[in-house]
Amino acid sequence: MGVTVIVAYRPKPGREAELEALVREHVPCLRTLGLVTERPAQAMRAKDGTIVEIFEWQDGAIEAAHNSSRVAELWERFGNACDYVPLRELPEAEAMFAQFESMAL
């Protein structure tokens, strides 16, 4: 079994469309490199525009991702388009049943 992660990306001003495109590119890139499982990824948007992504790493793949130049380039583009934020910063996370707008990947 892999490791499921939930990550929140808050777009930098004016970078919303760029971030959305990166999220759509992210898991397919990782999958091409054999780093994530075939479990379908999910993406959703918080009311403030933050995008939440859920996907599953292959066992041991997180370290491999940090050693991949292709992944480093992709993550650099993420860093230019967004800030990573803890889930607890999203008002939705305070609710018993957090609700987000679904996004197509």
PDB file of N, CA and C in Angstrom:
ATOM      1  N   MET A   1       0.830  -1.186   0.000  1.00  0.00           N
ATOM      2  CA  MET A   1       0.000   0.000   0.000  1.00  0.00           C
ATOM      3  C   MET A   1       0.868   1.241   0.000  1.00  0.00           C
ATOM      4  N   GLY A   2       0.349   2.259  -0.620  1.00  0.00           N
ATOM      5  CA  GLY A   2       1.060   3.521  -0.673  1.00  0.00           C
ATOM      6  C   GLY A   2       0.714   4.421   0.498  1.00  0.00           C
ATOM      7  N   VAL A   3       1.107   5.670   0.365  1.00  0.00           N
ATOM      8  CA  VAL A   3       0.848   6.691   1.369  1.00  0.00           C
ATOM      9  C   VAL A   3      -0.020   7.765   0.720  1.00  0.00           C
ATOM     10  N   THR A   4      -1.202   7.994   1.291  1.00  0.00           N
ATOM     11  CA  THR A   4      -2.097   9.019   0.761  1.00  0.00           C
ATOM     12  C   THR A   4      -1.737  10.363   1.379  1.00  0.00           C
ATOM     13  N   VAL A   5      -1.653  11.388   0.535  1.00  0.00           N
ATOM     14  CA  VAL A   5      -1.356  12.738   1.007  1.00  0.00           C
ATOM     15  C   VAL A   5      -2.481  13.684   0.603  1.00  0.00           C
ATOM     16  N   ILE A   6      -2.654  14.697   1.421  1.00  0.00           N
ATOM     17  CA  ILE A   6      -3.583  15.783   1.151  1.00  0.00           C
ATOM     18  C   ILE A   6      -2.758  17.059   1.232  1.00  0.00           C
ATOM     19  N   VAL A   7      -2.763  17.841   0.172  1.00  0.00           N
ATOM     20  CA  VAL A   7      -1.966  19.065   0.144  1.00  0.00           C
ATOM     21  C   VAL A   7      -2.853  20.222  -0.304  1.00  0.00           C
ATOM     22  N   ALA A   8      -2.606  21.397   0.274  1.00  0.00           N
ATOM     23  CA  ALA A   8      -3.382  22.585  -0.073  1.00  0.00           C
ATOM     24  C   ALA A   8      -2.455  23.623  -0.705  1.00  0.00           C
ATOM     25  N   TYR A   9      -2.859  24.115  -1.862  1.00  0.00           N
ATOM     26  CA  TYR A   9      -2.100  25.111  -2.624  1.00  0.00           C
ATOM     27  C   TYR A   9      -2.923  26.401  -2.683  1.00  0.00           C
ATOM     28  N   ARG A  10      -2.425  27.478  -2.094  1.00  0.00           N
ATOM     29  CA  ARG A  10      -3.111  28.768  -2.178  1.00  0.00           C
ATOM     30  C   ARG A  10      -2.474  29.557  -3.322  1.00  0.00           C
ATOM     31  N   PRO A  11      -3.239  29.871  -4.370  1.00  0.00           N
ATOM     32  CA  PRO A  11      -2.644  30.555  -5.520  1.00  0.00           C
ATOM     33  C   PRO A  11      -2.144  31.949  -5.157  1.00  0.00           C
ATOM     34  N   LYS A  12      -1.024  32.315  -5.745  1.00  0.00           N
ATOM     35  CA  LYS A  12      -0.534  33.679  -5.615  1.00  0.00           C
ATOM     36  C   LYS A  12      -1.423  34.564  -6.494  1.00  0.00           C
ATOM     37  N   PRO A  13      -1.542  35.847  -6.161  1.00  0.00           N
ATOM     38  CA  PRO A  13      -2.427  36.725  -6.935  1.00  0.00           C
ATOM     39  C   PRO A  13      -2.130  36.668  -8.433  1.00  0.00           C
ATOM     40  N   GLY A  14      -3.195  36.491  -9.208  1.00  0.00           N
ATOM     41  CA  GLY A  14      -3.078  36.441 -10.659  1.00  0.00           C
ATOM     42  C   GLY A  14      -2.557  35.129 -11.213  1.00  0.00           C
ATOM     43  N   ARG A  15      -2.311  34.125 -10.363  1.00  0.00           N
ATOM     44  CA  ARG A  15      -1.728  32.853 -10.810  1.00  0.00           C
ATOM     45  C   ARG A  15      -2.719  31.696 -10.713  1.00  0.00           C
ATOM     46  N   GLU A  16      -4.004  32.000 -10.542  1.00  0.00           N
ATOM     47  CA  GLU A  16      -5.018  30.971 -10.340  1.00  0.00           C
ATOM     48  C   GLU A  16      -5.076  29.976 -11.496  1.00  0.00           C
ATOM     49  N   ALA A  17      -5.123  30.462 -12.721  1.00  0.00           N
ATOM     50  CA  ALA A  17      -5.215  29.575 -13.891  1.00  0.00           C
ATOM     51  C   ALA A  17      -3.942  28.741 -14.035  1.00  0.00           C
ATOM     52  N   GLU A  18      -2.802  29.345 -13.780  1.00  0.00           N
ATOM     53  CA  GLU A  18      -1.529  28.619 -13.847  1.00  0.00           C
ATOM     54  C   GLU A  18      -1.507  27.487 -12.826  1.00  0.00           C
ATOM     55  N   LEU A  19      -1.955  27.769 -11.614  1.00  0.00           N
ATOM     56  CA  LEU A  19      -1.980  26.740 -10.571  1.00  0.00           C
ATOM     57  C   LEU A  19      -2.926  25.612 -10.959  1.00  0.00           C
ATOM     58  N   GLU A  20      -4.095  25.943 -11.457  1.00  0.00           N
ATOM     59  CA  GLU A  20      -5.049  24.907 -11.855  1.00  0.00           C
ATOM     60  C   GLU A  20      -4.436  23.997 -12.923  1.00  0.00           C
ATOM     61  N   ALA A  21      -3.734  24.574 -13.888  1.00  0.00           N
ATOM     62  CA  ALA A  21      -3.073  23.771 -14.927  1.00  0.00           C
ATOM     63  C   ALA A  21      -1.989  22.884 -14.318  1.00  0.00           C
ATOM     64  N   LEU A  22      -1.248  23.399 -13.354  1.00  0.00           N
ATOM     65  CA  LEU A  22      -0.207  22.601 -12.703  1.00  0.00           C
ATOM     66  C   LEU A  22      -0.798  21.424 -11.939  1.00  0.00           C
ATOM     67  N   VAL A  23      -1.906  21.654 -11.256  1.00  0.00           N
ATOM     68  CA  VAL A  23      -2.543  20.560 -10.522  1.00  0.00           C
ATOM     69  C   VAL A  23      -2.982  19.472 -11.495  1.00  0.00           C
ATOM     70  N   ARG A  24      -3.474  19.859 -12.646  1.00  0.00           N
ATOM     71  CA  ARG A  24      -3.888  18.859 -13.649  1.00  0.00           C
ATOM     72  C   ARG A  24      -2.682  18.097 -14.213  1.00  0.00           C
ATOM     73  N   GLU A  25      -1.524  18.717 -14.213  1.00  0.00           N
ATOM     74  CA  GLU A  25      -0.295  18.101 -14.729  1.00  0.00           C
ATOM     75  C   GLU A  25       0.406  17.238 -13.681  1.00  0.00           C
ATOM     76  N   HIS A  26       0.225  17.568 -12.416  1.00  0.00           N
ATOM     77  CA  HIS A  26       1.013  17.007 -11.327  1.00  0.00           C
ATOM     78  C   HIS A  26       0.991  15.483 -11.252  1.00  0.00           C
ATOM     79  N   VAL A  27      -0.164  14.892 -10.969  1.00  0.00           N
ATOM     80  CA  VAL A  27      -0.233  13.442 -10.782  1.00  0.00           C
ATOM     81  C   VAL A  27       0.088  12.682 -12.069  1.00  0.00           C
ATOM     82  N   PRO A  28      -0.384  13.129 -13.248  1.00  0.00           N
ATOM     83  CA  PRO A  28       0.038  12.413 -14.459  1.00  0.00           C
ATOM     84  C   PRO A  28       1.569  12.379 -14.625  1.00  0.00           C
ATOM     85  N   CYS A  29       2.242  13.471 -14.281  1.00  0.00           N
ATOM     86  CA  CYS A  29       3.709  13.487 -14.346  1.00  0.00           C
ATOM     87  C   CYS A  29       4.289  12.479 -13.366  1.00  0.00           C
ATOM     88  N   LEU A  30       3.808  12.508 -12.111  1.00  0.00           N
ATOM     89  CA  LEU A  30       4.305  11.569 -11.102  1.00  0.00           C
ATOM     90  C   LEU A  30       4.012  10.124 -11.501  1.00  0.00           C
ATOM     91  N   ARG A  31       2.865   9.909 -12.106  1.00  0.00           N
ATOM     92  CA  ARG A  31       2.488   8.548 -12.533  1.00  0.00           C
ATOM     93  C   ARG A  31       3.416   8.067 -13.657  1.00  0.00           C
ATOM     94  N   THR A  32       3.742   8.940 -14.586  1.00  0.00           N
ATOM     95  CA  THR A  32       4.663   8.588 -15.682  1.00  0.00           C
ATOM     96  C   THR A  32       6.015   8.139 -15.127  1.00  0.00           C
ATOM     97  N   LEU A  33       6.417   8.744 -14.032  1.00  0.00           N
ATOM     98  CA  LEU A  33       7.694   8.405 -13.396  1.00  0.00           C
ATOM     99  C   LEU A  33       7.580   7.224 -12.438  1.00  0.00           C
ATOM    100  N   GLY A  34       6.381   6.642 -12.317  1.00  0.00           N
ATOM    101  CA  GLY A  34       6.179   5.488 -11.450  1.00  0.00           C
ATOM    102  C   GLY A  34       6.162   5.821  -9.967  1.00  0.00           C
ATOM    103  N   LEU A  35       5.831   7.066  -9.636  1.00  0.00           N
ATOM    104  CA  LEU A  35       5.913   7.513  -8.253  1.00  0.00           C
ATOM    105  C   LEU A  35       4.592   7.468  -7.495  1.00  0.00           C
ATOM    106  N   VAL A  36       3.473   7.411  -8.219  1.00  0.00           N
ATOM    107  CA  VAL A  36       2.168   7.360  -7.564  1.00  0.00           C
ATOM    108  C   VAL A  36       1.414   6.128  -8.036  1.00  0.00           C
ATOM    109  N   THR A  37       0.442   5.737  -7.228  1.00  0.00           N
ATOM    110  CA  THR A  37      -0.354   4.562  -7.568  1.00  0.00           C
ATOM    111  C   THR A  37      -1.398   4.916  -8.623  1.00  0.00           C
ATOM    112  N   GLU A  38      -2.122   3.915  -9.052  1.00  0.00           N
ATOM    113  CA  GLU A  38      -3.195   4.119 -10.025  1.00  0.00           C
ATOM    114  C   GLU A  38      -4.479   4.608  -9.372  1.00  0.00           C
ATOM    115  N   ARG A  39      -4.491   4.718  -8.051  1.00  0.00           N
ATOM    116  CA  ARG A  39      -5.678   5.236  -7.361  1.00  0.00           C
ATOM    117  C   ARG A  39      -5.978   6.633  -7.915  1.00  0.00           C
ATOM    118  N   PRO A  40      -7.218   6.902  -8.295  1.00  0.00           N
ATOM    119  CA  PRO A  40      -7.535   8.215  -8.875  1.00  0.00           C
ATOM    120  C   PRO A  40      -7.250   9.356  -7.893  1.00  0.00           C
ATOM    121  N   ALA A  41      -6.633  10.397  -8.398  1.00  0.00           N
ATOM    122  CA  ALA A  41      -6.389  11.598  -7.605  1.00  0.00           C
ATOM    123  C   ALA A  41      -7.669  12.418  -7.549  1.00  0.00           C
ATOM    124  N   GLN A  42      -7.757  13.262  -6.561  1.00  0.00           N
ATOM    125  CA  GLN A  42      -8.896  14.170  -6.399  1.00  0.00           C
ATOM    126  C   GLN A  42      -8.369  15.586  -6.243  1.00  0.00           C
ATOM    127  N   ALA A  43      -9.119  16.544  -6.750  1.00  0.00           N
ATOM    128  CA  ALA A  43      -8.796  17.959  -6.538  1.00  0.00           C
ATOM    129  C   ALA A  43     -10.089  18.689  -6.251  1.00  0.00           C
ATOM    130  N   MET A  44      -9.991  19.685  -5.391  1.00  0.00           N
ATOM    131  CA  MET A  44     -11.159  20.461  -5.008  1.00  0.00           C
ATOM    132  C   MET A  44     -10.719  21.865  -4.655  1.00  0.00           C
ATOM    133  N   ARG A  45     -11.680  22.789  -4.673  1.00  0.00           N
ATOM    134  CA  ARG A  45     -11.352  24.182  -4.417  1.00  0.00           C
ATOM    135  C   ARG A  45     -12.085  24.668  -3.160  1.00  0.00           C
ATOM    136  N   ALA A  46     -11.347  25.354  -2.285  1.00  0.00           N
ATOM    137  CA  ALA A  46     -11.938  25.997  -1.112  1.00  0.00           C
ATOM    138  C   ALA A  46     -12.553  27.328  -1.542  1.00  0.00           C
ATOM    139  N   LYS A  47     -13.368  27.880  -0.677  1.00  0.00           N
ATOM    140  CA  LYS A  47     -14.039  29.146  -1.007  1.00  0.00           C
ATOM    141  C   LYS A  47     -13.056  30.279  -1.261  1.00  0.00           C
ATOM    142  N   ASP A  48     -11.874  30.233  -0.643  1.00  0.00           N
ATOM    143  CA  ASP A  48     -10.882  31.297  -0.856  1.00  0.00           C
ATOM    144  C   ASP A  48     -10.015  31.061  -2.089  1.00  0.00           C
ATOM    145  N   GLY A  49     -10.302  29.990  -2.857  1.00  0.00           N
ATOM    146  CA  GLY A  49      -9.542  29.694  -4.073  1.00  0.00           C
ATOM    147  C   GLY A  49      -8.411  28.701  -3.884  1.00  0.00           C
ATOM    148  N   THR A  50      -8.133  28.325  -2.642  1.00  0.00           N
ATOM    149  CA  THR A  50      -7.098  27.328  -2.384  1.00  0.00           C
ATOM    150  C   THR A  50      -7.526  26.001  -3.001  1.00  0.00           C
ATOM    151  N   ILE A  51      -6.588  25.339  -3.662  1.00  0.00           N
ATOM    152  CA  ILE A  51      -6.858  24.034  -4.259  1.00  0.00           C
ATOM    153  C   ILE A  51      -6.299  22.958  -3.336  1.00  0.00           C
ATOM    154  N   VAL A  52      -7.126  21.964  -3.064  1.00  0.00           N
ATOM    155  CA  VAL A  52      -6.735  20.821  -2.242  1.00  0.00           C
ATOM    156  C   VAL A  52      -6.606  19.616  -3.169  1.00  0.00           C
ATOM    157  N   GLU A  53      -5.484  18.940  -3.089  1.00  0.00           N
ATOM    158  CA  GLU A  53      -5.220  17.765  -3.931  1.00  0.00           C
ATOM    159  C   GLU A  53      -4.987  16.558  -3.025  1.00  0.00           C
ATOM    160  N   ILE A  54      -5.535  15.413  -3.433  1.00  0.00           N
ATOM    161  CA  ILE A  54      -5.361  14.159  -2.702  1.00  0.00           C
ATOM    162  C   ILE A  54      -4.857  13.114  -3.694  1.00  0.00           C
ATOM    163  N   PHE A  55      -3.760  12.469  -3.348  1.00  0.00           N
ATOM    164  CA  PHE A  55      -3.233  11.401  -4.205  1.00  0.00           C
ATOM    165  C   PHE A  55      -2.429  10.426  -3.359  1.00  0.00           C
ATOM    166  N   GLU A  56      -2.057   9.298  -3.965  1.00  0.00           N
ATOM    167  CA  GLU A  56      -1.360   8.250  -3.235  1.00  0.00           C
ATOM    168  C   GLU A  56       0.015   7.973  -3.841  1.00  0.00           C
ATOM    169  N   TRP A  57       1.051   8.166  -3.021  1.00  0.00           N
ATOM    170  CA  TRP A  57       2.419   7.823  -3.426  1.00  0.00           C
ATOM    171  C   TRP A  57       2.603   6.306  -3.412  1.00  0.00           C
ATOM    172  N   GLN A  58       3.452   5.812  -4.308  1.00  0.00           N
ATOM    173  CA  GLN A  58       3.934   4.436  -4.211  1.00  0.00           C
ATOM    174  C   GLN A  58       4.810   4.335  -2.960  1.00  0.00           C
ATOM    175  N   ASP A  59       4.933   3.151  -2.403  1.00  0.00           N
ATOM    176  CA  ASP A  59       5.829   2.954  -1.265  1.00  0.00           C
ATOM    177  C   ASP A  59       7.236   3.408  -1.632  1.00  0.00           C
ATOM    178  N   GLY A  60       7.830   4.239  -0.797  1.00  0.00           N
ATOM    179  CA  GLY A  60       9.204   4.696  -1.000  1.00  0.00           C
ATOM    180  C   GLY A  60       9.383   5.761  -2.056  1.00  0.00           C
ATOM    181  N   ALA A  61       8.308   6.201  -2.689  1.00  0.00           N
ATOM    182  CA  ALA A  61       8.433   7.116  -3.826  1.00  0.00           C
ATOM    183  C   ALA A  61       8.649   8.574  -3.429  1.00  0.00           C
ATOM    184  N   ILE A  62       8.305   8.933  -2.217  1.00  0.00           N
ATOM    185  CA  ILE A  62       8.470  10.335  -1.828  1.00  0.00           C
ATOM    186  C   ILE A  62       9.944  10.726  -1.899  1.00  0.00           C
ATOM    187  N   GLU A  63      10.801   9.875  -1.371  1.00  0.00           N
ATOM    188  CA  GLU A  63      12.242  10.158  -1.442  1.00  0.00           C
ATOM    189  C   GLU A  63      12.715  10.193  -2.891  1.00  0.00           C
ATOM    190  N   ALA A  64      12.249   9.260  -3.700  1.00  0.00           N
ATOM    191  CA  ALA A  64      12.633   9.237  -5.117  1.00  0.00           C
ATOM    192  C   ALA A  64      12.201  10.519  -5.814  1.00  0.00           C
ATOM    193  N   ALA A  65      11.027  11.031  -5.470  1.00  0.00           N
ATOM    194  CA  ALA A  65      10.544  12.268  -6.081  1.00  0.00           C
ATOM    195  C   ALA A  65      11.486  13.430  -5.768  1.00  0.00           C
ATOM    196  N   HIS A  66      11.997  13.460  -4.552  1.00  0.00           N
ATOM    197  CA  HIS A  66      12.907  14.539  -4.168  1.00  0.00           C
ATOM    198  C   HIS A  66      14.262  14.441  -4.864  1.00  0.00           C
ATOM    199  N   ASN A  67      14.535  13.316  -5.484  1.00  0.00           N
ATOM    200  CA  ASN A  67      15.789  13.138  -6.224  1.00  0.00           C
ATOM    201  C   ASN A  67      15.591  13.203  -7.738  1.00  0.00           C
ATOM    202  N   SER A  68      14.398  13.561  -8.184  1.00  0.00           N
ATOM    203  CA  SER A  68      14.085  13.616  -9.610  1.00  0.00           C
ATOM    204  C   SER A  68      14.162  15.053 -10.117  1.00  0.00           C
ATOM    205  N   SER A  69      14.953  15.283 -11.144  1.00  0.00           N
ATOM    206  CA  SER A  69      15.047  16.629 -11.714  1.00  0.00           C
ATOM    207  C   SER A  69      13.724  17.050 -12.363  1.00  0.00           C
ATOM    208  N   ARG A  70      13.004  16.107 -12.942  1.00  0.00           N
ATOM    209  CA  ARG A  70      11.703  16.424 -13.548  1.00  0.00           C
ATOM    210  C   ARG A  70      10.709  16.880 -12.490  1.00  0.00           C
ATOM    211  N   VAL A  71      10.665  16.192 -11.359  1.00  0.00           N
ATOM    212  CA  VAL A  71       9.766  16.578 -10.276  1.00  0.00           C
ATOM    213  C   VAL A  71      10.210  17.908  -9.672  1.00  0.00           C
ATOM    214  N   ALA A  72      11.498  18.109  -9.509  1.00  0.00           N
ATOM    215  CA  ALA A  72      12.011  19.368  -8.960  1.00  0.00           C
ATOM    216  C   ALA A  72      11.583  20.550  -9.829  1.00  0.00           C
ATOM    217  N   GLU A  73      11.638  20.373 -11.137  1.00  0.00           N
ATOM    218  CA  GLU A  73      11.224  21.441 -12.058  1.00  0.00           C
ATOM    219  C   GLU A  73       9.738  21.730 -11.908  1.00  0.00           C
ATOM    220  N   LEU A  74       8.937  20.682 -11.811  1.00  0.00           N
ATOM    221  CA  LEU A  74       7.500  20.855 -11.648  1.00  0.00           C
ATOM    222  C   LEU A  74       7.192  21.547 -10.317  1.00  0.00           C
ATOM    223  N   TRP A  75       7.826  21.111  -9.248  1.00  0.00           N
ATOM    224  CA  TRP A  75       7.585  21.708  -7.936  1.00  0.00           C
ATOM    225  C   TRP A  75       8.072  23.156  -7.878  1.00  0.00           C
ATOM    226  N   GLU A  76       9.108  23.492  -8.636  1.00  0.00           N
ATOM    227  CA  GLU A  76       9.554  24.888  -8.714  1.00  0.00           C
ATOM    228  C   GLU A  76       8.458  25.751  -9.343  1.00  0.00           C
ATOM    229  N   ARG A  77       7.816  25.226 -10.372  1.00  0.00           N
ATOM    230  CA  ARG A  77       6.706  25.941 -11.003  1.00  0.00           C
ATOM    231  C   ARG A  77       5.545  26.105 -10.021  1.00  0.00           C
ATOM    232  N   PHE A  78       5.268  25.064  -9.223  1.00  0.00           N
ATOM    233  CA  PHE A  78       4.251  25.194  -8.173  1.00  0.00           C
ATOM    234  C   PHE A  78       4.631  26.329  -7.219  1.00  0.00           C
ATOM    235  N   GLY A  79       5.881  26.363  -6.797  1.00  0.00           N
ATOM    236  CA  GLY A  79       6.336  27.395  -5.869  1.00  0.00           C
ATOM    237  C   GLY A  79       6.179  28.803  -6.409  1.00  0.00           C
ATOM    238  N   ASN A  80       6.269  28.956  -7.725  1.00  0.00           N
ATOM    239  CA  ASN A  80       6.070  30.263  -8.349  1.00  0.00           C
ATOM    240  C   ASN A  80       4.597  30.644  -8.417  1.00  0.00           C
ATOM    241  N   ALA A  81       3.720  29.650  -8.439  1.00  0.00           N
ATOM    242  CA  ALA A  81       2.291  29.894  -8.632  1.00  0.00           C
ATOM    243  C   ALA A  81       1.482  29.892  -7.339  1.00  0.00           C
ATOM    244  N   CYS A  82       2.031  29.327  -6.254  1.00  0.00           N
ATOM    245  CA  CYS A  82       1.220  29.178  -5.043  1.00  0.00           C
ATOM    246  C   CYS A  82       2.075  29.144  -3.792  1.00  0.00           C
ATOM    247  N   ASP A  83       1.371  29.203  -2.671  1.00  0.00           N
ATOM    248  CA  ASP A  83       1.962  28.938  -1.368  1.00  0.00           C
ATOM    249  C   ASP A  83       1.327  27.656  -0.852  1.00  0.00           C
ATOM    250  N   TYR A  84       2.114  26.800  -0.245  1.00  0.00           N
ATOM    251  CA  TYR A  84       1.590  25.591   0.386  1.00  0.00           C
ATOM    252  C   TYR A  84       1.065  26.002   1.760  1.00  0.00           C
ATOM    253  N   VAL A  85      -0.141  25.589   2.084  1.00  0.00           N
ATOM    254  CA  VAL A  85      -0.724  25.976   3.366  1.00  0.00           C
ATOM    255  C   VAL A  85      -1.231  24.744   4.102  1.00  0.00           C
ATOM    256  N   PRO A  86      -1.163  24.752   5.439  1.00  0.00           N
ATOM    257  CA  PRO A  86      -1.722  23.637   6.197  1.00  0.00           C
ATOM    258  C   PRO A  86      -3.240  23.613   6.052  1.00  0.00           C
ATOM    259  N   LEU A  87      -3.807  22.438   6.055  1.00  0.00           N
ATOM    260  CA  LEU A  87      -5.261  22.300   5.932  1.00  0.00           C
ATOM    261  C   LEU A  87      -5.983  23.083   7.020  1.00  0.00           C
ATOM    262  N   ARG A  88      -5.409  23.176   8.192  1.00  0.00           N
ATOM    263  CA  ARG A  88      -6.072  23.861   9.304  1.00  0.00           C
ATOM    264  C   ARG A  88      -6.310  25.343   9.020  1.00  0.00           C
ATOM    265  N   GLU A  89      -5.617  25.911   8.012  1.00  0.00           N
ATOM    266  CA  GLU A  89      -5.836  27.310   7.655  1.00  0.00           C
ATOM    267  C   GLU A  89      -7.089  27.517   6.813  1.00  0.00           C
ATOM    268  N   LEU A  90      -7.684  26.442   6.337  1.00  0.00           N
ATOM    269  CA  LEU A  90      -8.894  26.558   5.525  1.00  0.00           C
ATOM    270  C   LEU A  90     -10.111  26.570   6.436  1.00  0.00           C
ATOM    271  N   PRO A  91     -10.976  27.569   6.313  1.00  0.00           N
ATOM    272  CA  PRO A  91     -12.185  27.594   7.142  1.00  0.00           C
ATOM    273  C   PRO A  91     -13.003  26.305   7.012  1.00  0.00           C
ATOM    274  N   GLU A  92     -12.992  25.687   5.851  1.00  0.00           N
ATOM    275  CA  GLU A  92     -13.731  24.441   5.651  1.00  0.00           C
ATOM    276  C   GLU A  92     -13.269  23.345   6.606  1.00  0.00           C
ATOM    277  N   ALA A  93     -11.998  23.367   6.990  1.00  0.00           N
ATOM    278  CA  ALA A  93     -11.440  22.325   7.855  1.00  0.00           C
ATOM    279  C   ALA A  93     -11.999  22.387   9.275  1.00  0.00           C
ATOM    280  N   GLU A  94     -12.636  23.491   9.629  1.00  0.00           N
ATOM    281  CA  GLU A  94     -13.221  23.613  10.962  1.00  0.00           C
ATOM    282  C   GLU A  94     -14.569  22.903  11.063  1.00  0.00           C
ATOM    283  N   ALA A  95     -15.171  22.597   9.940  1.00  0.00           N
ATOM    284  CA  ALA A  95     -16.490  21.969   9.933  1.00  0.00           C
ATOM    285  C   ALA A  95     -16.360  20.462  10.159  1.00  0.00           C
ATOM    286  N   MET A  96     -17.368  19.877  10.753  1.00  0.00           N
ATOM    287  CA  MET A  96     -17.389  18.426  10.957  1.00  0.00           C
ATOM    288  C   MET A  96     -17.323  17.709   9.609  1.00  0.00           C
ATOM    289  N   PHE A  97     -18.041  18.230   8.627  1.00  0.00           N
ATOM    290  CA  PHE A  97     -18.049  17.673   7.273  1.00  0.00           C
ATOM    291  C   PHE A  97     -17.575  18.767   6.323  1.00  0.00           C
ATOM    292  N   ALA A  98     -16.269  18.837   6.107  1.00  0.00           N
ATOM    293  CA  ALA A  98     -15.694  19.878   5.264  1.00  0.00           C
ATOM    294  C   ALA A  98     -16.205  19.730   3.831  1.00  0.00           C
ATOM    295  N   GLN A  99     -16.643  20.837   3.256  1.00  0.00           N
ATOM    296  CA  GLN A  99     -17.186  20.811   1.894  1.00  0.00           C
ATOM    297  C   GLN A  99     -16.334  21.708   0.986  1.00  0.00           C
ATOM    298  N   PHE A 100     -16.031  21.166  -0.190  1.00  0.00           N
ATOM    299  CA  PHE A 100     -15.229  21.875  -1.179  1.00  0.00           C
ATOM    300  C   PHE A 100     -15.902  21.721  -2.546  1.00  0.00           C
ATOM    301  N   GLU A 101     -15.598  22.646  -3.441  1.00  0.00           N
ATOM    302  CA  GLU A 101     -16.075  22.559  -4.827  1.00  0.00           C
ATOM    303  C   GLU A 101     -15.215  21.548  -5.568  1.00  0.00           C
ATOM    304  N   SER A 102     -15.837  20.560  -6.193  1.00  0.00           N
ATOM    305  CA  SER A 102     -15.084  19.554  -6.939  1.00  0.00           C
ATOM    306  C   SER A 102     -14.446  20.160  -8.183  1.00  0.00           C
ATOM    307  N   MET A 103     -13.273  19.639  -8.540  1.00  0.00           N
ATOM    308  CA  MET A 103     -12.566  20.059  -9.750  1.00  0.00           C
ATOM    309  C   MET A 103     -12.342  18.830 -10.633  1.00  0.00           C
ATOM    310  N   ALA A 104     -12.477  18.989 -11.913  1.00  0.00           N
ATOM    311  CA  ALA A 104     -12.152  17.917 -12.851  1.00  0.00           C
ATOM    312  C   ALA A 104     -10.656  17.906 -13.091  1.00  0.00           C
ATOM    313  N   LEU A 105     -10.088  16.725 -13.081  1.00  0.00           N
ATOM    314  CA  LEU A 105      -8.649  16.596 -13.390  1.00  0.00           C
ATOM    315  C   LEU A 105      -8.454  16.085 -14.793  1.00  0.00           C
TER     316      LEU A 105
END
